[in-house]
Amino acid sequence: MVASRSARERKAGVEAGPLARVAIDVDRTQAFVYKIACTTCTAKGDKAWSAYRPGGDNGYLAAMDRWILHLVERHPDAEAPCLAYLPEAQQRLHERREAATEEPPTA
């Protein structure tokens, strides 16, 4: 059974902790788009800092990874269930950075 959008939003909100405001939108292809916003940090102007990632296969994971790294960097004393996944988030970040620096094979 597939979880509803509101159930996914509630679960993500619990995992993200009290500093997060989680919303799940639906894009034009009817895929979930995960948005995790910080209740204390701002980005440009008065907008809240947020991780905004399309659903696809790993949209939740990508948004939560970015949120975890934000918590560690900006709110080191914060507590949230998602922080248990910090080593995995750091590993995925390392892998993405390595893949981005690899040169494409020449033909």
PDB file of N, CA and C in Angstrom:
ATOM      1  N   MET A   1       0.838  -1.182   0.000  1.00  0.00           N
ATOM      2  CA  MET A   1       0.000   0.000   0.000  1.00  0.00           C
ATOM      3  C   MET A   1       0.885   1.248   0.000  1.00  0.00           C
ATOM      4  N   VAL A   2       0.606   2.167  -0.884  1.00  0.00           N
ATOM      5  CA  VAL A   2       1.382   3.395  -1.017  1.00  0.00           C
ATOM      6  C   VAL A   2       0.848   4.419  -0.019  1.00  0.00           C
ATOM      7  N   ALA A   3       1.751   5.066   0.683  1.00  0.00           N
ATOM      8  CA  ALA A   3       1.363   6.078   1.665  1.00  0.00           C
ATOM      9  C   ALA A   3       0.843   7.324   0.968  1.00  0.00           C
ATOM     10  N   SER A   4      -0.145   7.956   1.571  1.00  0.00           N
ATOM     11  CA  SER A   4      -0.700   9.178   1.013  1.00  0.00           C
ATOM     12  C   SER A   4       0.303  10.319   1.152  1.00  0.00           C
ATOM     13  N   ARG A   5       0.039  11.368   0.429  1.00  0.00           N
ATOM     14  CA  ARG A   5       0.913  12.544   0.486  1.00  0.00           C
ATOM     15  C   ARG A   5       0.954  13.112   1.905  1.00  0.00           C
ATOM     16  N   SER A   6      -0.184  13.209   2.551  1.00  0.00           N
ATOM     17  CA  SER A   6      -0.209  13.768   3.905  1.00  0.00           C
ATOM     18  C   SER A   6       0.514  12.861   4.901  1.00  0.00           C
ATOM     19  N   ALA A   7       0.410  11.543   4.717  1.00  0.00           N
ATOM     20  CA  ALA A   7       1.121  10.615   5.602  1.00  0.00           C
ATOM     21  C   ALA A   7       2.627  10.736   5.404  1.00  0.00           C
ATOM     22  N   ARG A   8       3.053  10.866   4.154  1.00  0.00           N
ATOM     23  CA  ARG A   8       4.478  11.053   3.866  1.00  0.00           C
ATOM     24  C   ARG A   8       4.986  12.359   4.482  1.00  0.00           C
ATOM     25  N   GLU A   9       4.158  13.400   4.382  1.00  0.00           N
ATOM     26  CA  GLU A   9       4.526  14.706   4.930  1.00  0.00           C
ATOM     27  C   GLU A   9       4.673  14.637   6.449  1.00  0.00           C
ATOM     28  N   ARG A  10       3.743  13.967   7.107  1.00  0.00           N
ATOM     29  CA  ARG A  10       3.827  13.822   8.563  1.00  0.00           C
ATOM     30  C   ARG A  10       5.064  13.037   8.973  1.00  0.00           C
ATOM     31  N   LYS A  11       5.327  11.927   8.284  1.00  0.00           N
ATOM     32  CA  LYS A  11       6.500  11.100   8.602  1.00  0.00           C
ATOM     33  C   LYS A  11       7.791  11.902   8.412  1.00  0.00           C
ATOM     34  N   ALA A  12       7.891  12.623   7.299  1.00  0.00           N
ATOM     35  CA  ALA A  12       9.088  13.434   7.035  1.00  0.00           C
ATOM     36  C   ALA A  12       9.234  14.524   8.085  1.00  0.00           C
ATOM     37  N   GLY A  13       8.127  15.114   8.519  1.00  0.00           N
ATOM     38  CA  GLY A  13       8.172  16.151   9.539  1.00  0.00           C
ATOM     39  C   GLY A  13       8.681  15.630  10.871  1.00  0.00           C
ATOM     40  N   VAL A  14       8.257  14.433  11.233  1.00  0.00           N
ATOM     41  CA  VAL A  14       8.732  13.817  12.477  1.00  0.00           C
ATOM     42  C   VAL A  14      10.220  13.511  12.369  1.00  0.00           C
ATOM     43  N   GLU A  15      10.643  12.935  11.250  1.00  0.00           N
ATOM     44  CA  GLU A  15      12.064  12.610  11.046  1.00  0.00           C
ATOM     45  C   GLU A  15      12.938  13.863  11.057  1.00  0.00           C
ATOM     46  N   ALA A  16      12.453  14.943  10.463  1.00  0.00           N
ATOM     47  CA  ALA A  16      13.252  16.157  10.321  1.00  0.00           C
ATOM     48  C   ALA A  16      13.403  16.917  11.635  1.00  0.00           C
ATOM     49  N   GLY A  17      12.499  16.742  12.562  1.00  0.00           N
ATOM     50  CA  GLY A  17      12.626  17.380  13.866  1.00  0.00           C
ATOM     51  C   GLY A  17      11.916  18.711  13.975  1.00  0.00           C
ATOM     52  N   PRO A  18      12.028  19.340  15.149  1.00  0.00           N
ATOM     53  CA  PRO A  18      11.256  20.547  15.442  1.00  0.00           C
ATOM     54  C   PRO A  18      11.678  21.810  14.690  1.00  0.00           C
ATOM     55  N   LEU A  19      12.869  21.858  14.156  1.00  0.00           N
ATOM     56  CA  LEU A  19      13.293  23.045  13.407  1.00  0.00           C
ATOM     57  C   LEU A  19      12.803  23.044  11.963  1.00  0.00           C
ATOM     58  N   ALA A  20      12.188  21.952  11.536  1.00  0.00           N
ATOM     59  CA  ALA A  20      11.792  21.807  10.140  1.00  0.00           C
ATOM     60  C   ALA A  20      10.308  22.071   9.928  1.00  0.00           C
ATOM     61  N   ARG A  21      10.034  22.584   8.752  1.00  0.00           N
ATOM     62  CA  ARG A  21       8.664  22.694   8.262  1.00  0.00           C
ATOM     63  C   ARG A  21       8.664  21.931   6.933  1.00  0.00           C
ATOM     64  N   VAL A  22       7.924  20.843   6.869  1.00  0.00           N
ATOM     65  CA  VAL A  22       7.952  19.971   5.700  1.00  0.00           C
ATOM     66  C   VAL A  22       6.670  20.121   4.889  1.00  0.00           C
ATOM     67  N   ALA A  23       6.839  20.199   3.576  1.00  0.00           N
ATOM     68  CA  ALA A  23       5.699  20.237   2.663  1.00  0.00           C
ATOM     69  C   ALA A  23       6.023  19.349   1.474  1.00  0.00           C
ATOM     70  N   ILE A  24       5.016  18.693   0.975  1.00  0.00           N
ATOM     71  CA  ILE A  24       5.185  17.895  -0.240  1.00  0.00           C
ATOM     72  C   ILE A  24       4.215  18.441  -1.273  1.00  0.00           C
ATOM     73  N   ASP A  25       4.760  18.920  -2.381  1.00  0.00           N
ATOM     74  CA  ASP A  25       3.957  19.413  -3.486  1.00  0.00           C
ATOM     75  C   ASP A  25       3.899  18.334  -4.554  1.00  0.00           C
ATOM     76  N   VAL A  26       3.077  18.566  -5.553  1.00  0.00           N
ATOM     77  CA  VAL A  26       2.989  17.658  -6.692  1.00  0.00           C
ATOM     78  C   VAL A  26       3.330  18.472  -7.931  1.00  0.00           C
ATOM     79  N   ASP A  27       4.296  17.976  -8.729  1.00  0.00           N
ATOM     80  CA  ASP A  27       4.683  18.726  -9.926  1.00  0.00           C
ATOM     81  C   ASP A  27       3.739  18.404 -11.085  1.00  0.00           C
ATOM     82  N   ARG A  28       4.038  18.953 -12.245  1.00  0.00           N
ATOM     83  CA  ARG A  28       3.140  18.765 -13.394  1.00  0.00           C
ATOM     84  C   ARG A  28       3.080  17.336 -13.891  1.00  0.00           C
ATOM     85  N   THR A  29       4.057  16.518 -13.529  1.00  0.00           N
ATOM     86  CA  THR A  29       4.024  15.102 -13.928  1.00  0.00           C
ATOM     87  C   THR A  29       3.407  14.231 -12.835  1.00  0.00           C
ATOM     88  N   GLN A  30       2.818  14.879 -11.837  1.00  0.00           N
ATOM     89  CA  GLN A  30       2.180  14.212 -10.701  1.00  0.00           C
ATOM     90  C   GLN A  30       3.163  13.483  -9.788  1.00  0.00           C
ATOM     91  N   ALA A  31       4.425  13.884  -9.814  1.00  0.00           N
ATOM     92  CA  ALA A  31       5.447  13.327  -8.917  1.00  0.00           C
ATOM     93  C   ALA A  31       5.547  14.217  -7.683  1.00  0.00           C
ATOM     94  N   PHE A  32       5.895  13.613  -6.569  1.00  0.00           N
ATOM     95  CA  PHE A  32       6.060  14.376  -5.330  1.00  0.00           C
ATOM     96  C   PHE A  32       7.318  15.223  -5.392  1.00  0.00           C
ATOM     97  N   VAL A  33       7.228  16.423  -4.832  1.00  0.00           N
ATOM     98  CA  VAL A  33       8.366  17.321  -4.691  1.00  0.00           C
ATOM     99  C   VAL A  33       8.474  17.632  -3.200  1.00  0.00           C
ATOM    100  N   TYR A  34       9.595  17.277  -2.598  1.00  0.00           N
ATOM    101  CA  TYR A  34       9.792  17.415  -1.161  1.00  0.00           C
ATOM    102  C   TYR A  34      10.459  18.747  -0.846  1.00  0.00           C
ATOM    103  N   LYS A  35       9.893  19.474   0.131  1.00  0.00           N
ATOM    104  CA  LYS A  35      10.463  20.742   0.563  1.00  0.00           C
ATOM    105  C   LYS A  35      10.578  20.716   2.085  1.00  0.00           C
ATOM    106  N   ILE A  36      11.796  20.888   2.566  1.00  0.00           N
ATOM    107  CA  ILE A  36      12.051  20.959   4.004  1.00  0.00           C
ATOM    108  C   ILE A  36      12.641  22.335   4.265  1.00  0.00           C
ATOM    109  N   ALA A  37      11.908  23.148   5.032  1.00  0.00           N
ATOM    110  CA  ALA A  37      12.340  24.512   5.323  1.00  0.00           C
ATOM    111  C   ALA A  37      12.749  24.640   6.779  1.00  0.00           C
ATOM    112  N   CYS A  38      13.734  25.472   7.017  1.00  0.00           N
ATOM    113  CA  CYS A  38      14.206  25.740   8.379  1.00  0.00           C
ATOM    114  C   CYS A  38      13.361  26.864   8.976  1.00  0.00           C
ATOM    115  N   THR A  39      12.915  26.676  10.212  1.00  0.00           N
ATOM    116  CA  THR A  39      12.080  27.681  10.864  1.00  0.00           C
ATOM    117  C   THR A  39      12.890  28.862  11.391  1.00  0.00           C
ATOM    118  N   THR A  40      14.221  28.767  11.408  1.00  0.00           N
ATOM    119  CA  THR A  40      15.028  29.862  11.951  1.00  0.00           C
ATOM    120  C   THR A  40      15.963  30.520  10.945  1.00  0.00           C
ATOM    121  N   CYS A  41      16.386  29.811   9.923  1.00  0.00           N
ATOM    122  CA  CYS A  41      17.359  30.363   8.966  1.00  0.00           C
ATOM    123  C   CYS A  41      16.666  30.982   7.762  1.00  0.00           C
ATOM    124  N   THR A  42      17.289  32.020   7.222  1.00  0.00           N
ATOM    125  CA  THR A  42      16.778  32.629   5.999  1.00  0.00           C
ATOM    126  C   THR A  42      17.827  32.509   4.905  1.00  0.00           C
ATOM    127  N   ALA A  43      17.350  32.505   3.693  1.00  0.00           N
ATOM    128  CA  ALA A  43      18.236  32.444   2.531  1.00  0.00           C
ATOM    129  C   ALA A  43      18.242  33.840   1.905  1.00  0.00           C
ATOM    130  N   LYS A  44      17.681  33.985   0.736  1.00  0.00           N
ATOM    131  CA  LYS A  44      17.625  35.285   0.070  1.00  0.00           C
ATOM    132  C   LYS A  44      16.446  36.089   0.625  1.00  0.00           C
ATOM    133  N   GLY A  45      16.720  37.302   0.996  1.00  0.00           N
ATOM    134  CA  GLY A  45      15.661  38.157   1.524  1.00  0.00           C
ATOM    135  C   GLY A  45      15.083  37.580   2.800  1.00  0.00           C
ATOM    136  N   ASP A  46      13.778  37.480   2.849  1.00  0.00           N
ATOM    137  CA  ASP A  46      13.100  36.958   4.028  1.00  0.00           C
ATOM    138  C   ASP A  46      12.651  35.514   3.858  1.00  0.00           C
ATOM    139  N   LYS A  47      13.044  34.882   2.765  1.00  0.00           N
ATOM    140  CA  LYS A  47      12.633  33.494   2.532  1.00  0.00           C
ATOM    141  C   LYS A  47      13.393  32.553   3.448  1.00  0.00           C
ATOM    142  N   ALA A  48      12.691  31.545   3.920  1.00  0.00           N
ATOM    143  CA  ALA A  48      13.319  30.541   4.777  1.00  0.00           C
ATOM    144  C   ALA A  48      14.290  29.695   3.960  1.00  0.00           C
ATOM    145  N   TRP A  49      15.389  29.286   4.598  1.00  0.00           N
ATOM    146  CA  TRP A  49      16.295  28.343   3.956  1.00  0.00           C
ATOM    147  C   TRP A  49      15.500  27.060   3.741  1.00  0.00           C
ATOM    148  N   SER A  50      15.693  26.420   2.583  1.00  0.00           N
ATOM    149  CA  SER A  50      14.973  25.171   2.359  1.00  0.00           C
ATOM    150  C   SER A  50      15.712  24.269   1.389  1.00  0.00           C
ATOM    151  N   ALA A  51      15.405  22.989   1.533  1.00  0.00           N
ATOM    152  CA  ALA A  51      15.863  21.968   0.593  1.00  0.00           C
ATOM    153  C   ALA A  51      14.645  21.610  -0.233  1.00  0.00           C
ATOM    154  N   TYR A  52      14.731  21.744  -1.534  1.00  0.00           N
ATOM    155  CA  TYR A  52      13.602  21.515  -2.434  1.00  0.00           C
ATOM    156  C   TYR A  52      14.041  20.509  -3.483  1.00  0.00           C
ATOM    157  N   ARG A  53      13.516  19.294  -3.419  1.00  0.00           N
ATOM    158  CA  ARG A  53      13.951  18.246  -4.327  1.00  0.00           C
ATOM    159  C   ARG A  53      12.765  17.507  -4.931  1.00  0.00           C
ATOM    160  N   PRO A  54      12.805  17.297  -6.249  1.00  0.00           N
ATOM    161  CA  PRO A  54      11.754  16.522  -6.908  1.00  0.00           C
ATOM    162  C   PRO A  54      11.749  15.079  -6.414  1.00  0.00           C
ATOM    163  N   GLY A  55      10.591  14.465  -6.482  1.00  0.00           N
ATOM    164  CA  GLY A  55      10.411  13.094  -6.006  1.00  0.00           C
ATOM    165  C   GLY A  55      11.299  12.085  -6.688  1.00  0.00           C
ATOM    166  N   GLY A  56      10.916  11.644  -7.858  1.00  0.00           N
ATOM    167  CA  GLY A  56      11.707  10.628  -8.549  1.00  0.00           C
ATOM    168  C   GLY A  56      11.991   9.446  -7.647  1.00  0.00           C
ATOM    169  N   ASP A  57      13.109   8.816  -7.839  1.00  0.00           N
ATOM    170  CA  ASP A  57      13.470   7.667  -7.018  1.00  0.00           C
ATOM    171  C   ASP A  57      14.034   8.068  -5.665  1.00  0.00           C
ATOM    172  N   ASN A  58      14.648   9.237  -5.581  1.00  0.00           N
ATOM    173  CA  ASN A  58      15.328   9.584  -4.335  1.00  0.00           C
ATOM    174  C   ASN A  58      15.082  11.014  -3.877  1.00  0.00           C
ATOM    175  N   GLY A  59      13.962  11.611  -4.236  1.00  0.00           N
ATOM    176  CA  GLY A  59      13.673  12.986  -3.844  1.00  0.00           C
ATOM    177  C   GLY A  59      13.625  13.169  -2.346  1.00  0.00           C
ATOM    178  N   TYR A  60      12.972  12.240  -1.652  1.00  0.00           N
ATOM    179  CA  TYR A  60      12.905  12.317  -0.190  1.00  0.00           C
ATOM    180  C   TYR A  60      14.300  12.215   0.390  1.00  0.00           C
ATOM    181  N   LEU A  61      15.052  11.253  -0.100  1.00  0.00           N
ATOM    182  CA  LEU A  61      16.401  11.032   0.421  1.00  0.00           C
ATOM    183  C   LEU A  61      17.295  12.241   0.151  1.00  0.00           C
ATOM    184  N   ALA A  62      17.216  12.814  -1.035  1.00  0.00           N
ATOM    185  CA  ALA A  62      18.037  13.978  -1.370  1.00  0.00           C
ATOM    186  C   ALA A  62      17.674  15.176  -0.505  1.00  0.00           C
ATOM    187  N   ALA A  63      16.391  15.416  -0.299  1.00  0.00           N
ATOM    188  CA  ALA A  63      15.969  16.539   0.541  1.00  0.00           C
ATOM    189  C   ALA A  63      16.381  16.309   1.991  1.00  0.00           C
ATOM    190  N   MET A  64      16.199  15.095   2.477  1.00  0.00           N
ATOM    191  CA  MET A  64      16.544  14.806   3.867  1.00  0.00           C
ATOM    192  C   MET A  64      18.062  14.873   4.074  1.00  0.00           C
ATOM    193  N   ASP A  65      18.840  14.396   3.097  1.00  0.00           N
ATOM    194  CA  ASP A  65      20.302  14.510   3.204  1.00  0.00           C
ATOM    195  C   ASP A  65      20.714  15.968   3.324  1.00  0.00           C
ATOM    196  N   ARG A  66      20.143  16.816   2.493  1.00  0.00           N
ATOM    197  CA  ARG A  66      20.499  18.240   2.534  1.00  0.00           C
ATOM    198  C   ARG A  66      20.083  18.839   3.871  1.00  0.00           C
ATOM    199  N   TRP A  67      18.922  18.444   4.383  1.00  0.00           N
ATOM    200  CA  TRP A  67      18.452  18.934   5.667  1.00  0.00           C
ATOM    201  C   TRP A  67      19.391  18.485   6.799  1.00  0.00           C
ATOM    202  N   ILE A  68      19.786  17.225   6.769  1.00  0.00           N
ATOM    203  CA  ILE A  68      20.694  16.695   7.798  1.00  0.00           C
ATOM    204  C   ILE A  68      21.995  17.500   7.807  1.00  0.00           C
ATOM    205  N   LEU A  69      22.553  17.755   6.644  1.00  0.00           N
ATOM    206  CA  LEU A  69      23.803  18.501   6.554  1.00  0.00           C
ATOM    207  C   LEU A  69      23.607  19.951   7.012  1.00  0.00           C
ATOM    208  N   HIS A  70      22.441  20.525   6.734  1.00  0.00           N
ATOM    209  CA  HIS A  70      22.132  21.873   7.226  1.00  0.00           C
ATOM    210  C   HIS A  70      22.084  21.880   8.749  1.00  0.00           C
ATOM    211  N   LEU A  71      21.419  20.896   9.329  1.00  0.00           N
ATOM    212  CA  LEU A  71      21.340  20.822  10.790  1.00  0.00           C
ATOM    213  C   LEU A  71      22.716  20.729  11.429  1.00  0.00           C
ATOM    214  N   VAL A  72      23.557  19.877  10.874  1.00  0.00           N
ATOM    215  CA  VAL A  72      24.895  19.684  11.441  1.00  0.00           C
ATOM    216  C   VAL A  72      25.722  20.963  11.341  1.00  0.00           C
ATOM    217  N   GLU A  73      25.603  21.651  10.214  1.00  0.00           N
ATOM    218  CA  GLU A  73      26.405  22.859  10.002  1.00  0.00           C
ATOM    219  C   GLU A  73      25.868  24.067  10.754  1.00  0.00           C
ATOM    220  N   ARG A  74      24.575  24.301  10.682  1.00  0.00           N
ATOM    221  CA  ARG A  74      23.991  25.530  11.225  1.00  0.00           C
ATOM    222  C   ARG A  74      23.387  25.381  12.625  1.00  0.00           C
ATOM    223  N   HIS A  75      23.009  24.177  12.985  1.00  0.00           N
ATOM    224  CA  HIS A  75      22.348  23.944  14.275  1.00  0.00           C
ATOM    225  C   HIS A  75      22.964  22.720  14.952  1.00  0.00           C
ATOM    226  N   PRO A  76      24.242  22.801  15.324  1.00  0.00           N
ATOM    227  CA  PRO A  76      24.947  21.617  15.843  1.00  0.00           C
ATOM    228  C   PRO A  76      24.361  21.043  17.129  1.00  0.00           C
ATOM    229  N   ASP A  77      23.609  21.836  17.880  1.00  0.00           N
ATOM    230  CA  ASP A  77      23.007  21.329  19.114  1.00  0.00           C
ATOM    231  C   ASP A  77      21.592  20.808  18.916  1.00  0.00           C
ATOM    232  N   ALA A  78      21.077  20.906  17.705  1.00  0.00           N
ATOM    233  CA  ALA A  78      19.703  20.468  17.430  1.00  0.00           C
ATOM    234  C   ALA A  78      19.594  18.953  17.537  1.00  0.00           C
ATOM    235  N   GLU A  79      18.413  18.513  17.882  1.00  0.00           N
ATOM    236  CA  GLU A  79      18.134  17.081  17.945  1.00  0.00           C
ATOM    237  C   GLU A  79      17.020  16.765  16.972  1.00  0.00           C
ATOM    238  N   ALA A  80      17.204  15.730  16.192  1.00  0.00           N
ATOM    239  CA  ALA A  80      16.196  15.277  15.247  1.00  0.00           C
ATOM    240  C   ALA A  80      16.471  13.812  14.931  1.00  0.00           C
ATOM    241  N   PRO A  81      15.427  13.009  14.759  1.00  0.00           N
ATOM    242  CA  PRO A  81      15.623  11.595  14.446  1.00  0.00           C
ATOM    243  C   PRO A  81      16.469  11.362  13.190  1.00  0.00           C
ATOM    244  N   CYS A  82      16.381  12.254  12.212  1.00  0.00           N
ATOM    245  CA  CYS A  82      17.118  12.073  10.962  1.00  0.00           C
ATOM    246  C   CYS A  82      18.625  12.128  11.151  1.00  0.00           C
ATOM    247  N   LEU A  83      19.102  12.723  12.234  1.00  0.00           N
ATOM    248  CA  LEU A  83      20.546  12.820  12.459  1.00  0.00           C
ATOM    249  C   LEU A  83      21.197  11.457  12.652  1.00  0.00           C
ATOM    250  N   ALA A  84      20.398  10.436  12.896  1.00  0.00           N
ATOM    251  CA  ALA A  84      20.939   9.078  12.987  1.00  0.00           C
ATOM    252  C   ALA A  84      21.502   8.628  11.640  1.00  0.00           C
ATOM    253  N   TYR A  85      21.065   9.283  10.560  1.00  0.00           N
ATOM    254  CA  TYR A  85      21.505   8.921   9.208  1.00  0.00           C
ATOM    255  C   TYR A  85      22.629   9.813   8.695  1.00  0.00           C
ATOM    256  N   LEU A  86      23.266  10.565   9.578  1.00  0.00           N
ATOM    257  CA  LEU A  86      24.345  11.471   9.171  1.00  0.00           C
ATOM    258  C   LEU A  86      25.467  10.760   8.416  1.00  0.00           C
ATOM    259  N   PRO A  87      25.982   9.621   8.892  1.00  0.00           N
ATOM    260  CA  PRO A  87      27.078   8.973   8.139  1.00  0.00           C
ATOM    261  C   PRO A  87      26.675   8.607   6.705  1.00  0.00           C
ATOM    262  N   GLU A  88      25.453   8.135   6.532  1.00  0.00           N
ATOM    263  CA  GLU A  88      24.990   7.772   5.189  1.00  0.00           C
ATOM    264  C   GLU A  88      24.844   9.016   4.312  1.00  0.00           C
ATOM    265  N   ALA A  89      24.340  10.102   4.884  1.00  0.00           N
ATOM    266  CA  ALA A  89      24.191  11.352   4.132  1.00  0.00           C
ATOM    267  C   ALA A  89      25.555  11.874   3.694  1.00  0.00           C
ATOM    268  N   GLN A  90      26.533  11.817   4.593  1.00  0.00           N
ATOM    269  CA  GLN A  90      27.883  12.266   4.250  1.00  0.00           C
ATOM    270  C   GLN A  90      28.492  11.388   3.165  1.00  0.00           C
ATOM    271  N   GLN A  91      28.245  10.089   3.217  1.00  0.00           N
ATOM    272  CA  GLN A  91      28.762   9.168   2.199  1.00  0.00           C
ATOM    273  C   GLN A  91      28.155   9.478   0.830  1.00  0.00           C
ATOM    274  N   ARG A  92      26.834   9.705   0.787  1.00  0.00           N
ATOM    275  CA  ARG A  92      26.187  10.030  -0.492  1.00  0.00           C
ATOM    276  C   ARG A  92      26.710  11.354  -1.039  1.00  0.00           C
ATOM    277  N   LEU A  93      26.937  12.338  -0.168  1.00  0.00           N
ATOM    278  CA  LEU A  93      27.500  13.620  -0.600  1.00  0.00           C
ATOM    279  C   LEU A  93      28.888  13.413  -1.192  1.00  0.00           C
ATOM    280  N   HIS A  94      29.703  12.621  -0.516  1.00  0.00           N
ATOM    281  CA  HIS A  94      31.052  12.322  -1.004  1.00  0.00           C
ATOM    282  C   HIS A  94      30.990  11.649  -2.380  1.00  0.00           C
ATOM    283  N   GLU A  95      30.080  10.694  -2.532  1.00  0.00           N
ATOM    284  CA  GLU A  95      29.947   9.993  -3.819  1.00  0.00           C
ATOM    285  C   GLU A  95      29.492  10.940  -4.925  1.00  0.00           C
ATOM    286  N   ARG A  96      28.534  11.854  -4.612  1.00  0.00           N
ATOM    287  CA  ARG A  96      28.072  12.819  -5.617  1.00  0.00           C
ATOM    288  C   ARG A  96      29.207  13.747  -6.024  1.00  0.00           C
ATOM    289  N   ARG A  97      30.009  14.179  -5.059  1.00  0.00           N
ATOM    290  CA  ARG A  97      31.124  15.074  -5.380  1.00  0.00           C
ATOM    291  C   ARG A  97      32.178  14.371  -6.223  1.00  0.00           C
ATOM    292  N   GLU A  98      32.459  13.120  -5.896  1.00  0.00           N
ATOM    293  CA  GLU A  98      33.421  12.358  -6.701  1.00  0.00           C
ATOM    294  C   GLU A  98      32.914  12.176  -8.123  1.00  0.00           C
ATOM    295  N   ALA A  99      31.645  11.850  -8.273  1.00  0.00           N
ATOM    296  CA  ALA A  99      31.070  11.649  -9.604  1.00  0.00           C
ATOM    297  C   ALA A  99      31.094  12.946 -10.416  1.00  0.00           C
ATOM    298  N   ALA A 100      30.918  14.074  -9.755  1.00  0.00           N
ATOM    299  CA  ALA A 100      30.925  15.359 -10.446  1.00  0.00           C
ATOM    300  C   ALA A 100      32.321  15.750 -10.910  1.00  0.00           C
ATOM    301  N   THR A 101      33.347  15.292 -10.208  1.00  0.00           N
ATOM    302  CA  THR A 101      34.716  15.662 -10.584  1.00  0.00           C
ATOM    303  C   THR A 101      35.347  14.703 -11.573  1.00  0.00           C
ATOM    304  N   GLU A 102      34.724  13.554 -11.769  1.00  0.00           N
ATOM    305  CA  GLU A 102      35.281  12.599 -12.741  1.00  0.00           C
ATOM    306  C   GLU A 102      35.126  13.158 -14.136  1.00  0.00           C
ATOM    307  N   GLU A 103      36.160  12.973 -14.917  1.00  0.00           N
ATOM    308  CA  GLU A 103      36.105  13.438 -16.287  1.00  0.00           C
ATOM    309  C   GLU A 103      35.403  12.394 -17.133  1.00  0.00           C
ATOM    310  N   PRO A 104      34.578  12.844 -18.085  1.00  0.00           N
ATOM    311  CA  PRO A 104      33.916  11.880 -18.978  1.00  0.00           C
ATOM    312  C   PRO A 104      34.948  11.164 -19.855  1.00  0.00           C
ATOM    313  N   PRO A 105      34.709   9.891 -20.159  1.00  0.00           N
ATOM    314  CA  PRO A 105      35.671   9.163 -20.998  1.00  0.00           C
ATOM    315  C   PRO A 105      35.744   9.766 -22.392  1.00  0.00           C
ATOM    316  N   THR A 106      36.943   9.766 -22.965  1.00  0.00           N
ATOM    317  CA  THR A 106      37.123  10.283 -24.315  1.00  0.00           C
ATOM    318  C   THR A 106      36.981   9.147 -25.308  1.00  0.00           C
ATOM    319  N   ALA A 107      36.413   9.469 -26.440  1.00  0.00           N
ATOM    320  CA  ALA A 107      36.174   8.433 -27.449  1.00  0.00           C
ATOM    321  C   ALA A 107      37.237   8.383 -28.473  1.00  0.00           C
TER     322      ALA A 107
END
